[in-house]
Each structure stands twice: as C-alpha cells, then as structure tokens.
C-alpha cells in the first residue's frame, strides 16, 4: 500500500498523509460496492498476498472479459 500512497502523493503533489487518506477513502468506497468475495480478493492483492495475474483474470471476468 505504501507504494500506492507514494504514487498518489507524487502525481498529485499532495502531502503523504493526505494522499494516504485519499487512497484509503477510495478503496473503502470501492470495497463497499463489490461483492464480499471480490472485496476480500482486493484486500489480498493490496496486501501483496495474491498473484496479480490471477486477480486480473478474476476482475476481467467480472467486467465481461475472458
């Protein structure tokens, strides 16, 4: 997650704490909109516990991809 916070801070010019708050707010919003299994999968990806290729396949299926 730290990498994402740094990326947002760098690209927006926001202080790190503000970028962290923004990222956490957006992720919380997204997780509330997803079905529970997908929200859990997102948490695993963000924690670095899931293979990103497998996660991309899962999300591609959600959005009509193969």
PDB file of N, CA and C in Angstrom:
ATOM      1  N   UNK A   1       0.823  -1.196   0.000  1.00  0.00           N
ATOM      2  CA  UNK A   1       0.000   0.000   0.000  1.00  0.00           C
ATOM      3  C   UNK A   1       0.863   1.255   0.000  1.00  0.00           C
ATOM      4  N   UNK A   2       1.996   1.156   0.653  1.00  0.00           N
ATOM      5  CA  UNK A   2       2.871   2.331   0.737  1.00  0.00           C
ATOM      6  C   UNK A   2       3.265   2.820  -0.659  1.00  0.00           C
ATOM      7  N   UNK A   3       3.483   1.879  -1.571  1.00  0.00           N
ATOM      8  CA  UNK A   3       3.833   2.256  -2.935  1.00  0.00           C
ATOM      9  C   UNK A   3       2.713   3.070  -3.588  1.00  0.00           C
ATOM     10  N   UNK A   4       1.476   2.675  -3.343  1.00  0.00           N
ATOM     11  CA  UNK A   4       0.333   3.394  -3.896  1.00  0.00           C
ATOM     12  C   UNK A   4       0.218   4.784  -3.276  1.00  0.00           C
ATOM     13  N   UNK A   5       0.415   4.883  -1.966  1.00  0.00           N
ATOM     14  CA  UNK A   5       0.376   6.191  -1.303  1.00  0.00           C
ATOM     15  C   UNK A   5       1.427   7.125  -1.899  1.00  0.00           C
ATOM     16  N   UNK A   6       2.636   6.609  -2.092  1.00  0.00           N
ATOM     17  CA  UNK A   6       3.715   7.422  -2.649  1.00  0.00           C
ATOM     18  C   UNK A   6       3.405   7.852  -4.073  1.00  0.00           C
ATOM     19  N   UNK A   7       2.843   6.941  -4.849  1.00  0.00           N
ATOM     20  CA  UNK A   7       2.495   7.256  -6.237  1.00  0.00           C
ATOM     21  C   UNK A   7       1.471   8.389  -6.294  1.00  0.00           C
ATOM     22  N   UNK A   8       0.432   8.283  -5.488  1.00  0.00           N
ATOM     23  CA  UNK A   8      -0.600   9.326  -5.471  1.00  0.00           C
ATOM     24  C   UNK A   8      -0.013  10.651  -4.987  1.00  0.00           C
ATOM     25  N   UNK A   9       0.805  10.614  -3.956  1.00  0.00           N
ATOM     26  CA  UNK A   9       1.432  11.836  -3.447  1.00  0.00           C
ATOM     27  C   UNK A   9       2.307  12.489  -4.517  1.00  0.00           C
ATOM     28  N   UNK A  10       3.080  11.674  -5.223  1.00  0.00           N
ATOM     29  CA  UNK A  10       3.973  12.198  -6.253  1.00  0.00           C
ATOM     30  C   UNK A  10       3.204  12.794  -7.419  1.00  0.00           C
ATOM     31  N   UNK A  11       2.207  12.083  -7.875  1.00  0.00           N
ATOM     32  CA  UNK A  11       1.476  12.532  -9.072  1.00  0.00           C
ATOM     33  C   UNK A  11       0.551  13.706  -8.800  1.00  0.00           C
ATOM     34  N   UNK A  12       0.074  13.829  -7.562  1.00  0.00           N
ATOM     35  CA  UNK A  12      -0.863  14.907  -7.253  1.00  0.00           C
ATOM     36  C   UNK A  12      -0.209  16.086  -6.538  1.00  0.00           C
ATOM     37  N   UNK A  13       0.980  15.848  -5.966  1.00  0.00           N
ATOM     38  CA  UNK A  13       1.619  16.896  -5.188  1.00  0.00           C
ATOM     39  C   UNK A  13       1.051  17.014  -3.784  1.00  0.00           C
ATOM     40  N   UNK A  14       0.199  16.065  -3.408  1.00  0.00           N
ATOM     41  CA  UNK A  14      -0.377  16.081  -2.060  1.00  0.00           C
ATOM     42  C   UNK A  14       0.648  15.605  -1.039  1.00  0.00           C
ATOM     43  N   UNK A  15       0.543  16.099   0.190  1.00  0.00           N
ATOM     44  CA  UNK A  15       1.380  15.535   1.254  1.00  0.00           C
ATOM     45  C   UNK A  15       1.038  14.051   1.440  1.00  0.00           C
ATOM     46  N   UNK A  16       2.007  13.270   1.921  1.00  0.00           N
ATOM     47  CA  UNK A  16       1.826  11.829   2.080  1.00  0.00           C
ATOM     48  C   UNK A  16       0.571  11.502   2.896  1.00  0.00           C
ATOM     49  N   UNK A  17       0.361  12.185   4.006  1.00  0.00           N
ATOM     50  CA  UNK A  17      -0.799  11.883   4.854  1.00  0.00           C
ATOM     51  C   UNK A  17      -2.115  12.119   4.122  1.00  0.00           C
ATOM     52  N   UNK A  18      -2.175  13.161   3.315  1.00  0.00           N
ATOM     53  CA  UNK A  18      -3.385  13.461   2.555  1.00  0.00           C
ATOM     54  C   UNK A  18      -3.590  12.434   1.449  1.00  0.00           C
ATOM     55  N   UNK A  19      -2.509  12.053   0.783  1.00  0.00           N
ATOM     56  CA  UNK A  19      -2.600  11.028  -0.257  1.00  0.00           C
ATOM     57  C   UNK A  19      -3.069   9.706   0.340  1.00  0.00           C
ATOM     58  N   UNK A  20      -2.549   9.350   1.511  1.00  0.00           N
ATOM     59  CA  UNK A  20      -2.963   8.118   2.191  1.00  0.00           C
ATOM     60  C   UNK A  20      -4.447   8.155   2.509  1.00  0.00           C
ATOM     61  N   UNK A  21      -4.920   9.272   3.027  1.00  0.00           N
ATOM     62  CA  UNK A  21      -6.341   9.413   3.351  1.00  0.00           C
ATOM     63  C   UNK A  21      -7.192   9.284   2.089  1.00  0.00           C
ATOM     64  N   UNK A  22      -6.753   9.900   0.995  1.00  0.00           N
ATOM     65  CA  UNK A  22      -7.500   9.827  -0.260  1.00  0.00           C
ATOM     66  C   UNK A  22      -7.558   8.392  -0.780  1.00  0.00           C
ATOM     67  N   UNK A  23      -6.427   7.715  -0.791  1.00  0.00           N
ATOM     68  CA  UNK A  23      -6.382   6.327  -1.275  1.00  0.00           C
ATOM     69  C   UNK A  23      -7.260   5.437  -0.406  1.00  0.00           C
ATOM     70  N   UNK A  24      -7.128   5.554   0.896  1.00  0.00           N
ATOM     71  CA  UNK A  24      -7.925   4.717   1.803  1.00  0.00           C
ATOM     72  C   UNK A  24      -9.417   4.978   1.634  1.00  0.00           C
ATOM     73  N   UNK A  25      -9.788   6.242   1.429  1.00  0.00           N
ATOM     74  CA  UNK A  25     -11.202   6.589   1.238  1.00  0.00           C
ATOM     75  C   UNK A  25     -11.754   5.962  -0.033  1.00  0.00           C
ATOM     76  N   UNK A  26     -11.002   6.065  -1.126  1.00  0.00           N
ATOM     77  CA  UNK A  26     -11.452   5.498  -2.405  1.00  0.00           C
ATOM     78  C   UNK A  26     -11.540   3.974  -2.317  1.00  0.00           C
ATOM     79  N   UNK A  27     -10.527   3.346  -1.707  1.00  0.00           N
ATOM     80  CA  UNK A  27     -10.555   1.883  -1.593  1.00  0.00           C
ATOM     81  C   UNK A  27     -11.703   1.405  -0.721  1.00  0.00           C
ATOM     82  N   UNK A  28     -11.984   2.108   0.366  1.00  0.00           N
ATOM     83  CA  UNK A  28     -13.124   1.741   1.211  1.00  0.00           C
ATOM     84  C   UNK A  28     -14.431   1.845   0.428  1.00  0.00           C
ATOM     85  N   UNK A  29     -14.561   2.894  -0.370  1.00  0.00           N
ATOM     86  CA  UNK A  29     -15.758   3.074  -1.187  1.00  0.00           C
ATOM     87  C   UNK A  29     -15.916   1.921  -2.177  1.00  0.00           C
ATOM     88  N   UNK A  30     -14.828   1.595  -2.863  1.00  0.00           N
ATOM     89  CA  UNK A  30     -14.869   0.515  -3.850  1.00  0.00           C
ATOM     90  C   UNK A  30     -15.214  -0.816  -3.187  1.00  0.00           C
ATOM     91  N   UNK A  31     -14.577  -1.103  -2.058  1.00  0.00           N
ATOM     92  CA  UNK A  31     -14.832  -2.387  -1.377  1.00  0.00           C
ATOM     93  C   UNK A  31     -16.276  -2.521  -0.922  1.00  0.00           C
ATOM     94  N   UNK A  32     -16.903  -1.413  -0.551  1.00  0.00           N
ATOM     95  CA  UNK A  32     -18.311  -1.455  -0.135  1.00  0.00           C
ATOM     96  C   UNK A  32     -19.235  -1.750  -1.311  1.00  0.00           C
ATOM     97  N   UNK A  33     -18.803  -1.401  -2.513  1.00  0.00           N
ATOM     98  CA  UNK A  33     -19.621  -1.614  -3.711  1.00  0.00           C
ATOM     99  C   UNK A  33     -19.446  -3.010  -4.310  1.00  0.00           C
ATOM    100  N   UNK A  34     -18.346  -3.671  -3.970  1.00  0.00           N
ATOM    101  CA  UNK A  34     -18.061  -5.002  -4.512  1.00  0.00           C
ATOM    102  C   UNK A  34     -18.738  -6.095  -3.695  1.00  0.00           C
ATOM    103  N   UNK A  35     -19.042  -7.222  -4.316  1.00  0.00           N
ATOM    104  CA  UNK A  35     -19.486  -8.385  -3.542  1.00  0.00           C
ATOM    105  C   UNK A  35     -18.366  -8.786  -2.567  1.00  0.00           C
ATOM    106  N   UNK A  36     -18.743  -9.321  -1.425  1.00  0.00           N
ATOM    107  CA  UNK A  36     -17.780  -9.647  -0.363  1.00  0.00           C
ATOM    108  C   UNK A  36     -16.578 -10.462  -0.849  1.00  0.00           C
ATOM    109  N   UNK A  37     -16.777 -11.501  -1.670  1.00  0.00           N
ATOM    110  CA  UNK A  37     -15.601 -12.265  -2.118  1.00  0.00           C
ATOM    111  C   UNK A  37     -14.614 -11.425  -2.929  1.00  0.00           C
ATOM    112  N   UNK A  38     -15.127 -10.521  -3.754  1.00  0.00           N
ATOM    113  CA  UNK A  38     -14.233  -9.672  -4.537  1.00  0.00           C
ATOM    114  C   UNK A  38     -13.548  -8.624  -3.667  1.00  0.00           C
ATOM    115  N   UNK A  39     -14.259  -8.119  -2.679  1.00  0.00           N
ATOM    116  CA  UNK A  39     -13.646  -7.166  -1.750  1.00  0.00           C
ATOM    117  C   UNK A  39     -12.505  -7.834  -0.994  1.00  0.00           C
ATOM    118  N   UNK A  40     -12.691  -9.077  -0.589  1.00  0.00           N
ATOM    119  CA  UNK A  40     -11.640  -9.823   0.102  1.00  0.00           C
ATOM    120  C   UNK A  40     -10.459 -10.061  -0.836  1.00  0.00           C
ATOM    121  N   UNK A  41     -10.748 -10.352  -2.095  1.00  0.00           N
ATOM    122  CA  UNK A  41      -9.692 -10.557  -3.087  1.00  0.00           C
ATOM    123  C   UNK A  41      -8.904  -9.266  -3.291  1.00  0.00           C
ATOM    124  N   UNK A  42      -9.585  -8.140  -3.330  1.00  0.00           N
ATOM    125  CA  UNK A  42      -8.922  -6.850  -3.469  1.00  0.00           C
ATOM    126  C   UNK A  42      -7.982  -6.603  -2.289  1.00  0.00           C
ATOM    127  N   UNK A  43      -8.448  -6.902  -1.094  1.00  0.00           N
ATOM    128  CA  UNK A  43      -7.595  -6.773   0.092  1.00  0.00           C
ATOM    129  C   UNK A  43      -6.340  -7.630  -0.037  1.00  0.00           C
ATOM    130  N   UNK A  44      -6.496  -8.843  -0.530  1.00  0.00           N
ATOM    131  CA  UNK A  44      -5.349  -9.736  -0.695  1.00  0.00           C
ATOM    132  C   UNK A  44      -4.356  -9.184  -1.708  1.00  0.00           C
ATOM    133  N   UNK A  45      -4.863  -8.633  -2.795  1.00  0.00           N
ATOM    134  CA  UNK A  45      -3.991  -8.059  -3.815  1.00  0.00           C
ATOM    135  C   UNK A  45      -3.241  -6.863  -3.233  1.00  0.00           C
ATOM    136  N   UNK A  46      -3.941  -6.012  -2.528  1.00  0.00           N
ATOM    137  CA  UNK A  46      -3.309  -4.824  -1.970  1.00  0.00           C
ATOM    138  C   UNK A  46      -2.292  -5.166  -0.885  1.00  0.00           C
ATOM    139  N   UNK A  47      -2.500  -6.268  -0.214  1.00  0.00           N
ATOM    140  CA  UNK A  47      -1.556  -6.717   0.813  1.00  0.00           C
ATOM    141  C   UNK A  47      -0.407  -7.520   0.216  1.00  0.00           C
ATOM    142  N   UNK A  48      -0.442  -7.750  -1.101  1.00  0.00           N
ATOM    143  CA  UNK A  48       0.623  -8.487  -1.769  1.00  0.00           C
ATOM    144  C   UNK A  48       0.542  -9.982  -1.560  1.00  0.00           C
ATOM    145  N   UNK A  49      -0.632 -10.495  -1.218  1.00  0.00           N
ATOM    146  CA  UNK A  49      -0.805 -11.915  -0.921  1.00  0.00           C
ATOM    147  C   UNK A  49      -1.425 -12.697  -2.066  1.00  0.00           C
ATOM    148  N   UNK A  50      -1.696 -12.026  -3.184  1.00  0.00           N
ATOM    149  CA  UNK A  50      -2.367 -12.682  -4.306  1.00  0.00           C
ATOM    150  C   UNK A  50      -1.581 -12.422  -5.588  1.00  0.00           C
ATOM    151  N   UNK A  51      -1.542 -13.426  -6.434  1.00  0.00           N
ATOM    152  CA  UNK A  51      -0.917 -13.295  -7.739  1.00  0.00           C
ATOM    153  C   UNK A  51      -1.720 -12.289  -8.563  1.00  0.00           C
ATOM    154  N   UNK A  52      -1.064 -11.262  -9.077  1.00  0.00           N
ATOM    155  CA  UNK A  52      -1.767 -10.219  -9.820  1.00  0.00           C
ATOM    156  C   UNK A  52      -2.379 -10.732 -11.115  1.00  0.00           C
ATOM    157  N   UNK A  53      -1.763 -11.713 -11.760  1.00  0.00           N
ATOM    158  CA  UNK A  53      -2.345 -12.273 -12.982  1.00  0.00           C
ATOM    159  C   UNK A  53      -3.667 -12.965 -12.679  1.00  0.00           C
ATOM    160  N   UNK A  54      -3.708 -13.692 -11.575  1.00  0.00           N
ATOM    161  CA  UNK A  54      -4.948 -14.366 -11.182  1.00  0.00           C
ATOM    162  C   UNK A  54      -6.017 -13.338 -10.833  1.00  0.00           C
ATOM    163  N   UNK A  55      -5.627 -12.292 -10.140  1.00  0.00           N
ATOM    164  CA  UNK A  55      -6.584 -11.247  -9.771  1.00  0.00           C
ATOM    165  C   UNK A  55      -7.114 -10.538 -11.010  1.00  0.00           C
ATOM    166  N   UNK A  56      -6.248 -10.288 -11.991  1.00  0.00           N
ATOM    167  CA  UNK A  56      -6.676  -9.632 -13.219  1.00  0.00           C
ATOM    168  C   UNK A  56      -7.695 -10.503 -13.954  1.00  0.00           C
ATOM    169  N   UNK A  57      -7.479 -11.804 -13.957  1.00  0.00           N
ATOM    170  CA  UNK A  57      -8.425 -12.716 -14.574  1.00  0.00           C
ATOM    171  C   UNK A  57      -9.767 -12.695 -13.872  1.00  0.00           C
ATOM    172  N   UNK A  58      -9.733 -12.634 -12.558  1.00  0.00           N
ATOM    173  CA  UNK A  58     -10.962 -12.582 -11.762  1.00  0.00           C
ATOM    174  C   UNK A  58     -11.725 -11.307 -12.062  1.00  0.00           C
ATOM    175  N   UNK A  59     -11.027 -10.175 -12.079  1.00  0.00           N
ATOM    176  CA  UNK A  59     -11.689  -8.910 -12.348  1.00  0.00           C
ATOM    177  C   UNK A  59     -12.126  -8.796 -13.800  1.00  0.00           C
ATOM    178  N   UNK A  60     -11.351  -9.382 -14.711  1.00  0.00           N
ATOM    179  CA  UNK A  60     -11.765  -9.391 -16.111  1.00  0.00           C
ATOM    180  C   UNK A  60     -13.063 -10.127 -16.304  1.00  0.00           C
ATOM    181  N   UNK A  61     -13.244 -11.222 -15.596  1.00  0.00           N
ATOM    182  CA  UNK A  61     -14.494 -11.962 -15.650  1.00  0.00           C
ATOM    183  C   UNK A  61     -15.659 -11.162 -15.114  1.00  0.00           C
ATOM    184  N   UNK A  62     -15.391 -10.366 -14.092  1.00  0.00           N
ATOM    185  CA  UNK A  62     -16.430  -9.519 -13.502  1.00  0.00           C
ATOM    186  C   UNK A  62     -16.934  -8.497 -14.503  1.00  0.00           C
ATOM    187  N   UNK A  63     -16.006  -7.969 -15.317  1.00  0.00           N
ATOM    188  CA  UNK A  63     -16.364  -6.919 -16.260  1.00  0.00           C
ATOM    189  C   UNK A  63     -16.602  -7.429 -17.668  1.00  0.00           C
ATOM    190  N   UNK A  64     -16.792  -8.728 -17.810  1.00  0.00           N
ATOM    191  CA  UNK A  64     -17.147  -9.295 -19.103  1.00  0.00           C
ATOM    192  C   UNK A  64     -15.968  -9.738 -19.950  1.00  0.00           C
ATOM    193  N   UNK A  65     -14.757  -9.673 -19.405  1.00  0.00           N
ATOM    194  CA  UNK A  65     -13.582 -10.145 -20.137  1.00  0.00           C
ATOM    195  C   UNK A  65     -13.471 -11.639 -20.069  1.00  0.00           C
ATOM    196  N   UNK A  66     -12.412 -12.168 -20.655  1.00  0.00           N
ATOM    197  CA  UNK A  66     -12.234 -13.626 -20.660  1.00  0.00           C
ATOM    198  C   UNK A  66     -11.232 -14.042 -19.627  1.00  0.00           C
TER     199      UNK A  66
END
